[in-house]
Amino acid sequence: MFNASTTQEAGNTIGSQFGANFDMFTKPLFKLKRFTIFQLDESKSRPLTLRIGYNRLPNGDKPPENRVLLDATPRYPLKAGVLLADRNRADLRWINGDFSWRYRNRLVVERTFGIYSYHFTPYVRGEAYYVSSAGKWSRTAEDIGFIFPIRKRAEIEGYYEHMNDTSKSPNQQTHGIGLVLSFYF
């Protein structure tokens, strides 16, 4: 998987990242396949996904940040077609030549709905971050969003996010709206 993203604020780019990931999956679980039949992201039908990746975050005239990502995401089918995913991620980070790490735990609850032949997936997710440089759980993020397929191999995701960062005083509250375009080949 390859990724490229940018973050805009008031029309100005405030961050971007580029990278590649290698995903490994367990065999599909029949019950999960039933819940995810209309999903383009095939990993959602797998009870366990493992990922290793690398991201580079350019930082203007400063040295870039380099990250190695290690992920494990188990998925659990619940009642009424609801899918629960529990992503556990370690970010190994090199910023200005200094090493730090953070652990991120994200829970996602989603369900796919159909209206005639059209399907969409609303979700809620919450994520907590342990940051080694702060020595504590210092960030939380809560999202609500929808995933809409737009073609046989593309989908668009829109979401609202609230983030609370307690690593510095005073706490920093961030509210954002995100848009993700994904292609599946």
N, C-alpha and C. Protein backbone atom coordinates (compact mmCIF):
# COMPACT_ATOMS: atom_id res chain seq x y z
N MET A 1 0.85 -1.17 0.00
CA MET A 1 0.00 0.00 0.00
C MET A 1 0.90 1.23 0.00
N PHE A 2 0.58 2.17 -0.82
CA PHE A 2 1.30 3.45 -0.87
C PHE A 2 0.36 4.54 -0.37
N ASN A 3 0.92 5.54 0.30
CA ASN A 3 0.07 6.64 0.78
C ASN A 3 0.78 7.96 0.59
N ALA A 4 -0.04 8.97 0.39
CA ALA A 4 0.42 10.36 0.31
C ALA A 4 -0.70 11.20 0.89
N SER A 5 -0.37 12.11 1.80
CA SER A 5 -1.41 12.95 2.39
C SER A 5 -0.85 14.34 2.68
N THR A 6 -1.77 15.26 2.80
CA THR A 6 -1.41 16.62 3.16
C THR A 6 -2.47 17.16 4.11
N THR A 7 -2.07 18.04 5.00
CA THR A 7 -2.99 18.68 5.93
C THR A 7 -3.02 20.17 5.63
N GLN A 8 -4.22 20.68 5.45
CA GLN A 8 -4.41 22.09 5.12
C GLN A 8 -5.09 22.81 6.29
N GLU A 9 -4.67 24.03 6.53
CA GLU A 9 -5.32 24.87 7.53
C GLU A 9 -5.39 26.28 6.98
N ALA A 10 -6.58 26.80 6.85
CA ALA A 10 -6.81 28.14 6.29
C ALA A 10 -6.14 28.30 4.92
N GLY A 11 -6.20 27.24 4.12
CA GLY A 11 -5.64 27.29 2.77
C GLY A 11 -4.15 27.06 2.69
N ASN A 12 -3.46 26.90 3.81
CA ASN A 12 -2.02 26.67 3.82
C ASN A 12 -1.71 25.24 4.19
N THR A 13 -0.71 24.64 3.54
CA THR A 13 -0.29 23.30 3.88
C THR A 13 0.52 23.36 5.17
N ILE A 14 0.09 22.60 6.19
CA ILE A 14 0.82 22.60 7.46
C ILE A 14 1.51 21.27 7.72
N GLY A 15 1.31 20.31 6.85
CA GLY A 15 1.98 19.02 7.02
C GLY A 15 1.67 18.10 5.85
N SER A 16 2.58 17.17 5.60
CA SER A 16 2.35 16.16 4.57
C SER A 16 3.17 14.92 4.95
N GLN A 17 2.81 13.80 4.33
CA GLN A 17 3.57 12.59 4.54
C GLN A 17 3.43 11.68 3.33
N PHE A 18 4.47 10.87 3.12
CA PHE A 18 4.53 9.93 2.02
C PHE A 18 5.09 8.63 2.56
N GLY A 19 4.60 7.51 2.06
CA GLY A 19 5.14 6.27 2.57
C GLY A 19 4.59 5.05 1.88
N ALA A 20 5.04 3.91 2.37
CA ALA A 20 4.61 2.62 1.85
C ALA A 20 4.46 1.66 3.02
N ASN A 21 3.49 0.76 2.89
CA ASN A 21 3.24 -0.25 3.90
C ASN A 21 3.17 -1.62 3.25
N PHE A 22 3.52 -2.63 4.00
CA PHE A 22 3.37 -4.02 3.58
C PHE A 22 2.42 -4.67 4.57
N ASP A 23 1.29 -5.19 4.06
CA ASP A 23 0.27 -5.80 4.91
C ASP A 23 0.29 -7.31 4.77
N MET A 24 0.07 -8.00 5.89
CA MET A 24 -0.08 -9.45 5.90
C MET A 24 -1.41 -9.76 6.56
N PHE A 25 -2.15 -10.72 5.99
CA PHE A 25 -3.49 -11.05 6.47
C PHE A 25 -3.58 -12.51 6.84
N THR A 26 -4.48 -12.80 7.77
CA THR A 26 -4.88 -14.18 7.99
C THR A 26 -5.93 -14.53 6.94
N LYS A 27 -6.34 -15.77 6.86
CA LYS A 27 -7.38 -16.17 5.92
C LYS A 27 -8.69 -15.48 6.29
N PRO A 28 -9.56 -15.22 5.29
CA PRO A 28 -10.84 -14.58 5.61
C PRO A 28 -11.67 -15.46 6.54
N LEU A 29 -12.41 -14.82 7.40
CA LEU A 29 -13.33 -15.50 8.30
C LEU A 29 -14.72 -15.38 7.68
N PHE A 30 -15.42 -16.51 7.53
CA PHE A 30 -16.72 -16.50 6.85
C PHE A 30 -17.67 -15.47 7.45
N LYS A 31 -17.74 -15.42 8.78
CA LYS A 31 -18.65 -14.47 9.42
C LYS A 31 -18.25 -13.03 9.11
N LEU A 32 -16.96 -12.73 9.06
CA LEU A 32 -16.51 -11.38 8.71
C LEU A 32 -16.80 -11.08 7.24
N LYS A 33 -16.63 -12.05 6.35
CA LYS A 33 -16.92 -11.83 4.93
C LYS A 33 -18.38 -11.45 4.75
N ARG A 34 -19.27 -12.06 5.55
CA ARG A 34 -20.69 -11.73 5.47
C ARG A 34 -20.94 -10.28 5.88
N PHE A 35 -20.20 -9.78 6.89
CA PHE A 35 -20.37 -8.42 7.37
C PHE A 35 -19.76 -7.39 6.42
N THR A 36 -18.77 -7.80 5.65
CA THR A 36 -18.00 -6.85 4.84
C THR A 36 -18.16 -7.11 3.34
N ILE A 37 -19.25 -7.73 2.93
CA ILE A 37 -19.43 -8.14 1.54
C ILE A 37 -19.36 -6.95 0.56
N PHE A 38 -19.76 -5.77 0.98
CA PHE A 38 -19.76 -4.61 0.09
C PHE A 38 -18.57 -3.68 0.31
N GLN A 39 -17.60 -4.08 1.12
CA GLN A 39 -16.42 -3.27 1.40
C GLN A 39 -15.37 -3.45 0.31
N LEU A 40 -14.76 -2.37 -0.13
CA LEU A 40 -13.65 -2.46 -1.07
C LEU A 40 -12.36 -2.85 -0.37
N ASP A 41 -12.21 -2.48 0.90
CA ASP A 41 -11.02 -2.81 1.68
C ASP A 41 -11.13 -4.25 2.15
N GLU A 42 -10.44 -5.15 1.45
CA GLU A 42 -10.54 -6.58 1.72
C GLU A 42 -10.00 -6.96 3.10
N SER A 43 -9.14 -6.14 3.69
CA SER A 43 -8.58 -6.46 5.00
C SER A 43 -9.66 -6.53 6.08
N LYS A 44 -10.80 -5.86 5.86
CA LYS A 44 -11.86 -5.87 6.87
C LYS A 44 -12.53 -7.22 7.01
N SER A 45 -12.33 -8.12 6.06
CA SER A 45 -12.89 -9.47 6.18
C SER A 45 -11.92 -10.43 6.85
N ARG A 46 -10.77 -9.94 7.26
CA ARG A 46 -9.75 -10.79 7.88
C ARG A 46 -9.75 -10.59 9.39
N PRO A 47 -9.69 -11.68 10.16
CA PRO A 47 -9.70 -11.52 11.62
C PRO A 47 -8.44 -10.86 12.18
N LEU A 48 -7.34 -10.88 11.42
CA LEU A 48 -6.11 -10.25 11.88
C LEU A 48 -5.32 -9.70 10.70
N THR A 49 -4.90 -8.44 10.82
CA THR A 49 -4.04 -7.80 9.83
C THR A 49 -2.78 -7.34 10.53
N LEU A 50 -1.63 -7.65 9.93
CA LEU A 50 -0.34 -7.16 10.43
C LEU A 50 0.24 -6.23 9.38
N ARG A 51 0.87 -5.14 9.82
CA ARG A 51 1.42 -4.14 8.88
C ARG A 51 2.78 -3.69 9.37
N ILE A 52 3.68 -3.52 8.41
CA ILE A 52 4.95 -2.84 8.66
C ILE A 52 5.06 -1.77 7.58
N GLY A 53 5.52 -0.59 7.96
CA GLY A 53 5.57 0.49 6.99
C GLY A 53 6.62 1.53 7.31
N TYR A 54 6.79 2.43 6.37
CA TYR A 54 7.72 3.55 6.52
C TYR A 54 7.03 4.79 6.00
N ASN A 55 7.10 5.90 6.75
CA ASN A 55 6.57 7.19 6.33
C ASN A 55 7.64 8.25 6.49
N ARG A 56 7.67 9.18 5.57
CA ARG A 56 8.57 10.33 5.63
C ARG A 56 7.70 11.57 5.67
N LEU A 57 7.96 12.43 6.65
CA LEU A 57 7.17 13.64 6.83
C LEU A 57 8.07 14.85 6.60
N PRO A 58 8.03 15.46 5.40
CA PRO A 58 8.82 16.67 5.15
C PRO A 58 8.41 17.77 6.12
N ASN A 59 9.35 18.62 6.48
CA ASN A 59 9.09 19.64 7.49
C ASN A 59 9.65 20.99 7.04
N GLY A 60 9.31 21.38 5.81
CA GLY A 60 9.77 22.68 5.30
C GLY A 60 11.28 22.75 5.22
N ASP A 61 11.87 23.76 5.87
CA ASP A 61 13.33 23.92 5.84
C ASP A 61 14.02 23.16 6.97
N LYS A 62 13.25 22.46 7.82
CA LYS A 62 13.82 21.65 8.90
C LYS A 62 14.02 20.22 8.39
N PRO A 63 14.83 19.42 9.11
CA PRO A 63 14.98 18.02 8.71
C PRO A 63 13.65 17.28 8.77
N PRO A 64 13.41 16.32 7.86
CA PRO A 64 12.15 15.59 7.87
C PRO A 64 12.07 14.60 9.04
N GLU A 65 10.85 14.21 9.38
CA GLU A 65 10.64 13.14 10.36
C GLU A 65 10.53 11.82 9.61
N ASN A 66 11.17 10.79 10.12
CA ASN A 66 11.10 9.46 9.54
C ASN A 66 10.41 8.54 10.55
N ARG A 67 9.47 7.70 10.06
CA ARG A 67 8.72 6.81 10.94
C ARG A 67 8.70 5.39 10.40
N VAL A 68 8.90 4.44 11.29
CA VAL A 68 8.64 3.04 10.99
C VAL A 68 7.39 2.67 11.76
N LEU A 69 6.41 2.06 11.06
CA LEU A 69 5.13 1.71 11.67
C LEU A 69 5.03 0.20 11.84
N LEU A 70 4.55 -0.24 12.98
CA LEU A 70 4.26 -1.64 13.24
C LEU A 70 2.83 -1.71 13.76
N ASP A 71 1.96 -2.45 13.05
CA ASP A 71 0.53 -2.53 13.36
C ASP A 71 0.07 -3.96 13.55
N ALA A 72 -0.90 -4.14 14.41
CA ALA A 72 -1.65 -5.39 14.50
C ALA A 72 -3.10 -5.00 14.74
N THR A 73 -4.01 -5.49 13.88
CA THR A 73 -5.42 -5.13 13.98
C THR A 73 -6.30 -6.37 13.98
N PRO A 74 -6.76 -6.79 15.16
CA PRO A 74 -7.77 -7.86 15.18
C PRO A 74 -9.15 -7.26 14.94
N ARG A 75 -10.03 -8.07 14.33
CA ARG A 75 -11.41 -7.64 14.06
C ARG A 75 -12.38 -8.66 14.63
N TYR A 76 -13.50 -8.15 15.15
CA TYR A 76 -14.48 -9.00 15.80
C TYR A 76 -15.87 -8.67 15.25
N PRO A 77 -16.58 -9.66 14.71
CA PRO A 77 -17.97 -9.41 14.31
C PRO A 77 -18.87 -9.41 15.55
N LEU A 78 -19.73 -8.41 15.66
CA LEU A 78 -20.69 -8.32 16.76
C LEU A 78 -22.09 -8.59 16.20
N LYS A 79 -23.09 -8.38 16.99
CA LYS A 79 -24.47 -8.60 16.54
C LYS A 79 -24.92 -7.50 15.59
N ALA A 80 -25.94 -7.80 14.82
CA ALA A 80 -26.62 -6.85 13.93
C ALA A 80 -25.69 -6.28 12.85
N GLY A 81 -24.68 -7.04 12.43
CA GLY A 81 -23.80 -6.60 11.35
C GLY A 81 -22.75 -5.59 11.75
N VAL A 82 -22.54 -5.39 13.04
CA VAL A 82 -21.55 -4.42 13.53
C VAL A 82 -20.18 -5.08 13.57
N LEU A 83 -19.17 -4.36 13.13
CA LEU A 83 -17.79 -4.84 13.12
C LEU A 83 -16.96 -3.98 14.07
N LEU A 84 -16.19 -4.63 14.93
CA LEU A 84 -15.29 -3.96 15.87
C LEU A 84 -13.85 -4.26 15.46
N ALA A 85 -13.03 -3.22 15.35
CA ALA A 85 -11.60 -3.38 15.04
C ALA A 85 -10.80 -2.68 16.14
N ASP A 86 -9.70 -3.32 16.56
CA ASP A 86 -8.85 -2.79 17.64
C ASP A 86 -7.42 -2.69 17.12
N ARG A 87 -7.08 -1.56 16.51
CA ARG A 87 -5.73 -1.39 15.95
C ARG A 87 -4.74 -1.02 17.04
N ASN A 88 -3.64 -1.72 17.06
CA ASN A 88 -2.53 -1.44 17.98
C ASN A 88 -1.32 -1.08 17.12
N ARG A 89 -0.81 0.13 17.30
CA ARG A 89 0.28 0.61 16.44
C ARG A 89 1.43 1.14 17.28
N ALA A 90 2.64 0.81 16.85
CA ALA A 90 3.85 1.42 17.40
C ALA A 90 4.46 2.28 16.30
N ASP A 91 4.69 3.55 16.59
CA ASP A 91 5.40 4.47 15.69
C ASP A 91 6.81 4.64 16.23
N LEU A 92 7.80 4.20 15.48
CA LEU A 92 9.21 4.42 15.82
C LEU A 92 9.62 5.66 15.04
N ARG A 93 9.99 6.74 15.75
CA ARG A 93 10.14 8.05 15.13
C ARG A 93 11.57 8.58 15.29
N TRP A 94 12.07 9.17 14.21
CA TRP A 94 13.35 9.89 14.23
C TRP A 94 13.05 11.32 13.81
N ILE A 95 13.16 12.23 14.78
CA ILE A 95 12.89 13.65 14.54
C ILE A 95 14.18 14.40 14.85
N ASN A 96 14.72 15.09 13.84
CA ASN A 96 16.01 15.80 13.99
C ASN A 96 17.11 14.86 14.51
N GLY A 97 17.08 13.62 14.10
CA GLY A 97 18.08 12.64 14.52
C GLY A 97 17.83 12.03 15.88
N ASP A 98 16.83 12.51 16.62
CA ASP A 98 16.51 11.97 17.94
C ASP A 98 15.42 10.91 17.81
N PHE A 99 15.62 9.78 18.49
CA PHE A 99 14.65 8.69 18.46
C PHE A 99 13.61 8.86 19.56
N SER A 100 12.36 8.61 19.23
CA SER A 100 11.27 8.51 20.20
C SER A 100 10.27 7.51 19.64
N TRP A 101 9.30 7.15 20.44
CA TRP A 101 8.28 6.21 19.99
C TRP A 101 6.95 6.60 20.60
N ARG A 102 5.90 6.07 20.02
CA ARG A 102 4.58 6.21 20.61
C ARG A 102 3.75 4.97 20.29
N TYR A 103 2.88 4.65 21.22
CA TYR A 103 1.94 3.54 21.06
C TYR A 103 0.56 4.14 20.87
N ARG A 104 -0.16 3.63 19.88
CA ARG A 104 -1.49 4.14 19.57
C ARG A 104 -2.47 2.97 19.57
N ASN A 105 -3.54 3.11 20.34
CA ASN A 105 -4.59 2.10 20.36
C ASN A 105 -5.87 2.74 19.86
N ARG A 106 -6.44 2.18 18.77
CA ARG A 106 -7.64 2.75 18.16
C ARG A 106 -8.74 1.70 18.06
N LEU A 107 -9.89 1.99 18.63
CA LEU A 107 -11.07 1.14 18.50
C LEU A 107 -12.00 1.76 17.46
N VAL A 108 -12.52 0.91 16.56
CA VAL A 108 -13.44 1.36 15.52
C VAL A 108 -14.68 0.47 15.57
N VAL A 109 -15.84 1.09 15.54
CA VAL A 109 -17.10 0.38 15.44
C VAL A 109 -17.77 0.88 14.16
N GLU A 110 -18.13 -0.06 13.27
CA GLU A 110 -18.73 0.33 11.99
C GLU A 110 -19.80 -0.67 11.59
N ARG A 111 -20.67 -0.23 10.69
CA ARG A 111 -21.70 -1.11 10.14
C ARG A 111 -22.05 -0.62 8.75
N THR A 112 -22.16 -1.55 7.81
CA THR A 112 -22.53 -1.21 6.45
C THR A 112 -24.04 -1.28 6.29
N PHE A 113 -24.61 -0.26 5.64
CA PHE A 113 -26.03 -0.19 5.35
C PHE A 113 -26.23 -0.15 3.85
N GLY A 114 -27.37 -0.64 3.40
CA GLY A 114 -27.69 -0.60 1.98
C GLY A 114 -29.01 0.08 1.73
N ILE A 115 -29.04 0.92 0.71
CA ILE A 115 -30.28 1.52 0.23
C ILE A 115 -30.33 1.15 -1.25
N TYR A 116 -31.25 0.25 -1.57
CA TYR A 116 -31.32 -0.37 -2.89
C TYR A 116 -29.97 -1.02 -3.19
N SER A 117 -29.29 -0.64 -4.26
CA SER A 117 -28.01 -1.28 -4.58
C SER A 117 -26.81 -0.46 -4.09
N TYR A 118 -27.07 0.64 -3.39
CA TYR A 118 -25.99 1.50 -2.91
C TYR A 118 -25.69 1.17 -1.45
N HIS A 119 -24.41 1.10 -1.10
CA HIS A 119 -23.99 0.75 0.26
C HIS A 119 -23.03 1.80 0.80
N PHE A 120 -23.15 2.09 2.09
CA PHE A 120 -22.26 3.04 2.75
C PHE A 120 -22.02 2.54 4.17
N THR A 121 -20.92 2.99 4.77
CA THR A 121 -20.51 2.51 6.08
C THR A 121 -20.24 3.67 7.03
N PRO A 122 -21.15 3.94 7.98
CA PRO A 122 -20.84 4.92 9.03
C PRO A 122 -19.98 4.25 10.11
N TYR A 123 -19.18 5.06 10.80
CA TYR A 123 -18.32 4.53 11.86
C TYR A 123 -18.10 5.57 12.95
N VAL A 124 -17.68 5.07 14.11
CA VAL A 124 -17.14 5.91 15.18
C VAL A 124 -15.83 5.26 15.60
N ARG A 125 -14.87 6.08 15.97
CA ARG A 125 -13.60 5.53 16.43
C ARG A 125 -13.00 6.45 17.49
N GLY A 126 -12.25 5.82 18.38
CA GLY A 126 -11.54 6.54 19.42
C GLY A 126 -10.11 6.02 19.49
N GLU A 127 -9.17 6.92 19.69
CA GLU A 127 -7.76 6.53 19.72
C GLU A 127 -7.06 7.23 20.88
N ALA A 128 -6.22 6.46 21.57
CA ALA A 128 -5.40 7.00 22.66
C ALA A 128 -3.94 6.81 22.31
N TYR A 129 -3.09 7.79 22.63
CA TYR A 129 -1.68 7.78 22.30
C TYR A 129 -0.84 7.81 23.58
N TYR A 130 0.12 6.91 23.67
CA TYR A 130 1.16 7.01 24.70
C TYR A 130 2.41 7.53 23.99
N VAL A 131 2.95 8.65 24.44
CA VAL A 131 4.09 9.29 23.78
C VAL A 131 5.31 9.17 24.69
N SER A 132 6.37 8.54 24.20
CA SER A 132 7.55 8.29 25.04
C SER A 132 8.23 9.58 25.49
N SER A 133 8.26 10.58 24.61
CA SER A 133 8.95 11.83 24.98
C SER A 133 8.20 12.58 26.09
N ALA A 134 6.88 12.40 26.18
CA ALA A 134 6.11 13.02 27.26
C ALA A 134 6.02 12.08 28.47
N GLY A 135 6.26 10.77 28.24
CA GLY A 135 6.22 9.80 29.33
C GLY A 135 4.83 9.54 29.87
N LYS A 136 3.79 9.73 29.01
CA LYS A 136 2.42 9.53 29.48
C LYS A 136 1.47 9.38 28.30
N TRP A 137 0.24 8.95 28.64
CA TRP A 137 -0.85 8.96 27.67
C TRP A 137 -1.22 10.43 27.49
N SER A 138 -0.85 11.01 26.36
CA SER A 138 -0.98 12.46 26.25
C SER A 138 -1.90 12.94 25.14
N ARG A 139 -2.50 12.02 24.40
CA ARG A 139 -3.36 12.48 23.31
C ARG A 139 -4.52 11.51 23.12
N THR A 140 -5.69 12.07 22.85
CA THR A 140 -6.85 11.26 22.47
C THR A 140 -7.47 11.88 21.23
N ALA A 141 -8.10 11.03 20.43
CA ALA A 141 -8.79 11.51 19.24
C ALA A 141 -10.10 10.73 19.12
N GLU A 142 -11.19 11.43 18.82
CA GLU A 142 -12.48 10.81 18.60
C GLU A 142 -12.97 11.25 17.23
N ASP A 143 -13.42 10.27 16.43
CA ASP A 143 -13.88 10.54 15.06
C ASP A 143 -15.27 9.98 14.86
N ILE A 144 -16.00 10.60 13.94
CA ILE A 144 -17.24 10.06 13.42
C ILE A 144 -17.20 10.31 11.92
N GLY A 145 -17.57 9.29 11.13
CA GLY A 145 -17.47 9.46 9.70
C GLY A 145 -18.26 8.44 8.91
N PHE A 146 -18.15 8.55 7.58
CA PHE A 146 -18.83 7.68 6.63
C PHE A 146 -17.87 7.30 5.52
N ILE A 147 -18.01 6.08 5.02
CA ILE A 147 -17.26 5.62 3.86
C ILE A 147 -18.27 5.36 2.75
N PHE A 148 -18.06 5.99 1.58
CA PHE A 148 -18.96 5.85 0.44
C PHE A 148 -18.18 5.30 -0.76
N PRO A 149 -18.58 4.16 -1.32
CA PRO A 149 -17.95 3.72 -2.57
C PRO A 149 -18.41 4.65 -3.70
N ILE A 150 -17.47 5.02 -4.58
CA ILE A 150 -17.84 5.91 -5.69
C ILE A 150 -17.65 5.25 -7.04
N ARG A 151 -16.93 4.18 -7.09
CA ARG A 151 -16.73 3.35 -8.29
C ARG A 151 -16.43 1.95 -7.81
N LYS A 152 -16.19 1.05 -8.75
CA LYS A 152 -15.87 -0.33 -8.37
C LYS A 152 -14.54 -0.43 -7.64
N ARG A 153 -13.64 0.50 -7.84
CA ARG A 153 -12.31 0.45 -7.23
C ARG A 153 -11.94 1.70 -6.45
N ALA A 154 -12.92 2.52 -6.08
CA ALA A 154 -12.61 3.75 -5.36
C ALA A 154 -13.68 4.03 -4.31
N GLU A 155 -13.26 4.68 -3.23
CA GLU A 155 -14.20 5.10 -2.20
C GLU A 155 -13.72 6.41 -1.62
N ILE A 156 -14.67 7.13 -1.06
CA ILE A 156 -14.36 8.40 -0.42
C ILE A 156 -14.84 8.31 1.03
N GLU A 157 -14.04 8.87 1.92
CA GLU A 157 -14.35 8.85 3.35
C GLU A 157 -14.33 10.28 3.85
N GLY A 158 -15.37 10.66 4.54
CA GLY A 158 -15.43 11.98 5.17
C GLY A 158 -15.60 11.79 6.67
N TYR A 159 -14.94 12.64 7.46
CA TYR A 159 -15.04 12.48 8.90
C TYR A 159 -14.82 13.80 9.63
N TYR A 160 -15.31 13.83 10.87
CA TYR A 160 -15.05 14.92 11.81
C TYR A 160 -14.20 14.34 12.92
N GLU A 161 -13.17 15.08 13.36
CA GLU A 161 -12.30 14.60 14.43
C GLU A 161 -12.12 15.67 15.49
N HIS A 162 -12.16 15.22 16.75
CA HIS A 162 -11.80 16.06 17.88
C HIS A 162 -10.56 15.44 18.51
N MET A 163 -9.51 16.24 18.71
CA MET A 163 -8.28 15.75 19.32
C MET A 163 -7.95 16.60 20.54
N ASN A 164 -7.50 15.92 21.61
CA ASN A 164 -7.08 16.58 22.84
C ASN A 164 -5.64 16.18 23.11
N ASP A 165 -4.73 17.16 23.21
CA ASP A 165 -3.31 16.90 23.45
C ASP A 165 -2.91 17.53 24.77
N THR A 166 -2.47 16.69 25.73
CA THR A 166 -2.10 17.18 27.06
C THR A 166 -0.59 17.16 27.27
N SER A 167 0.19 17.00 26.19
CA SER A 167 1.64 16.91 26.35
C SER A 167 2.26 18.24 26.77
N LYS A 168 1.59 19.34 26.48
CA LYS A 168 2.07 20.67 26.87
C LYS A 168 0.95 21.39 27.62
N SER A 169 1.32 22.38 28.39
CA SER A 169 0.32 23.17 29.10
C SER A 169 0.16 24.50 28.37
N PRO A 170 -1.03 24.96 28.11
CA PRO A 170 -2.32 24.34 28.37
C PRO A 170 -2.64 23.27 27.33
N ASN A 171 -3.65 22.44 27.63
CA ASN A 171 -4.09 21.42 26.68
C ASN A 171 -4.44 22.05 25.34
N GLN A 172 -4.15 21.32 24.28
CA GLN A 172 -4.49 21.80 22.95
C GLN A 172 -5.68 21.00 22.43
N GLN A 173 -6.74 21.69 22.08
CA GLN A 173 -7.94 21.09 21.51
C GLN A 173 -7.95 21.39 20.02
N THR A 174 -8.13 20.35 19.21
CA THR A 174 -8.18 20.53 17.76
C THR A 174 -9.46 19.89 17.23
N HIS A 175 -10.14 20.61 16.35
CA HIS A 175 -11.33 20.10 15.67
C HIS A 175 -11.01 20.12 14.18
N GLY A 176 -11.28 19.04 13.50
CA GLY A 176 -10.95 19.00 12.09
C GLY A 176 -11.96 18.21 11.29
N ILE A 177 -11.96 18.48 10.00
CA ILE A 177 -12.77 17.74 9.04
C ILE A 177 -11.79 17.12 8.07
N GLY A 178 -11.97 15.84 7.77
CA GLY A 178 -11.05 15.14 6.89
C GLY A 178 -11.75 14.51 5.71
N LEU A 179 -11.01 14.32 4.65
CA LEU A 179 -11.50 13.70 3.44
C LEU A 179 -10.41 12.77 2.93
N VAL A 180 -10.76 11.50 2.70
CA VAL A 180 -9.80 10.51 2.24
C VAL A 180 -10.34 9.89 0.95
N LEU A 181 -9.50 9.82 -0.06
CA LEU A 181 -9.85 9.15 -1.32
C LEU A 181 -8.97 7.92 -1.43
N SER A 182 -9.59 6.73 -1.52
CA SER A 182 -8.83 5.48 -1.59
C SER A 182 -9.13 4.77 -2.90
N PHE A 183 -8.07 4.23 -3.52
CA PHE A 183 -8.18 3.42 -4.73
C PHE A 183 -7.73 2.01 -4.42
N TYR A 184 -8.42 1.02 -4.94
CA TYR A 184 -8.10 -0.39 -4.72
C TYR A 184 -7.87 -1.04 -6.07
N PHE A 185 -6.69 -1.65 -6.23
CA PHE A 185 -6.32 -2.28 -7.51
C PHE A 185 -6.21 -3.77 -7.34
